[in-house]
């Protein structure tokens, strides 16, 4: 009997783009809408944004596009 295997998909270009925005404001469009705020951390599978007292953990597999916040 085979055991199920966990598969993790890493988007290296998306991760590199997000990592370059750490410490800057950004807008992240996801499949459920957009989130904007200060990028405070980037990991191979998620990005952490903070807006005021709210912290958002966004999975990179849900990201449609990312851009620096022009404001």
Protein backbone atom coordinates (compact mmCIF):
# COMPACT_ATOMS: atom_id res chain seq x y z
CA UNK A 1 0.00 0.00 0.00
CA UNK A 2 1.48 3.34 -1.06
CA UNK A 3 1.49 6.31 1.26
CA UNK A 4 0.39 9.67 -0.15
CA UNK A 5 3.25 12.06 -0.83
CA UNK A 6 3.17 15.76 -0.18
CA UNK A 7 3.98 17.88 -3.21
CA UNK A 8 5.02 21.50 -2.83
CA UNK A 9 5.09 23.78 -5.84
CA UNK A 10 7.53 26.66 -5.53
CA UNK A 11 7.28 29.59 -7.91
CA UNK A 12 10.90 30.83 -7.91
CA UNK A 13 10.25 33.97 -9.97
CA UNK A 14 7.23 35.00 -7.89
CA UNK A 15 9.23 34.37 -4.71
CA UNK A 16 12.15 36.46 -6.04
CA UNK A 17 9.78 39.30 -6.96
CA UNK A 18 8.17 39.28 -3.52
CA UNK A 19 11.53 39.01 -1.74
CA UNK A 20 12.73 42.12 -3.60
CA UNK A 21 9.82 44.06 -2.07
CA UNK A 22 10.55 43.29 1.59
CA UNK A 23 10.45 46.58 3.49
CA UNK A 24 8.38 48.29 0.79
CA UNK A 25 4.67 48.77 0.21
CA UNK A 26 3.06 46.51 -2.38
CA UNK A 27 -0.26 45.48 -3.84
CA UNK A 28 -0.84 41.74 -4.22
CA UNK A 29 -3.72 40.54 -6.39
CA UNK A 30 -4.96 37.10 -5.37
CA UNK A 31 -7.64 34.80 -6.69
CA UNK A 32 -9.89 36.22 -3.92
CA UNK A 33 -9.15 39.93 -4.33
CA UNK A 34 -6.27 42.26 -3.59
CA UNK A 35 -4.27 42.96 -0.45
CA UNK A 36 -2.00 45.94 0.03
CA UNK A 37 0.45 46.82 2.74
CA UNK A 38 4.07 46.69 3.83
CA UNK A 39 5.83 43.48 2.82
CA UNK A 40 7.42 42.39 6.08
CA UNK A 41 8.55 38.88 5.12
CA UNK A 42 8.77 36.56 2.13
CA UNK A 43 9.08 32.78 2.20
CA UNK A 44 9.09 30.30 -0.71
CA UNK A 45 5.43 29.48 -0.07
CA UNK A 46 3.93 32.71 1.34
CA UNK A 47 4.33 36.44 1.79
CA UNK A 48 3.50 38.46 4.90
CA UNK A 49 1.96 41.91 4.51
CA UNK A 50 1.05 44.34 7.26
CA UNK A 51 -1.48 47.15 7.00
CA UNK A 52 -1.99 49.13 10.21
CA UNK A 53 -2.61 46.50 12.94
CA UNK A 54 -3.61 43.73 10.50
CA UNK A 55 -1.19 41.09 9.30
CA UNK A 56 -1.93 39.07 6.14
CA UNK A 57 -0.30 35.77 5.21
CA UNK A 58 -0.82 35.20 1.47
CA UNK A 59 0.08 31.89 -0.14
CA UNK A 60 2.14 32.45 -3.29
CA UNK A 61 0.12 29.84 -5.18
CA UNK A 62 -2.86 32.23 -4.84
CA UNK A 63 -1.00 35.25 -6.26
CA UNK A 64 -2.09 36.53 -9.67
CA UNK A 65 0.20 39.60 -9.79
CA UNK A 66 2.34 41.79 -7.56
CA UNK A 67 3.34 45.43 -7.92
CA UNK A 68 5.01 48.04 -5.79
CA UNK A 69 2.44 50.39 -4.28
CA UNK A 70 2.83 53.71 -6.14
CA UNK A 71 1.56 55.76 -3.19
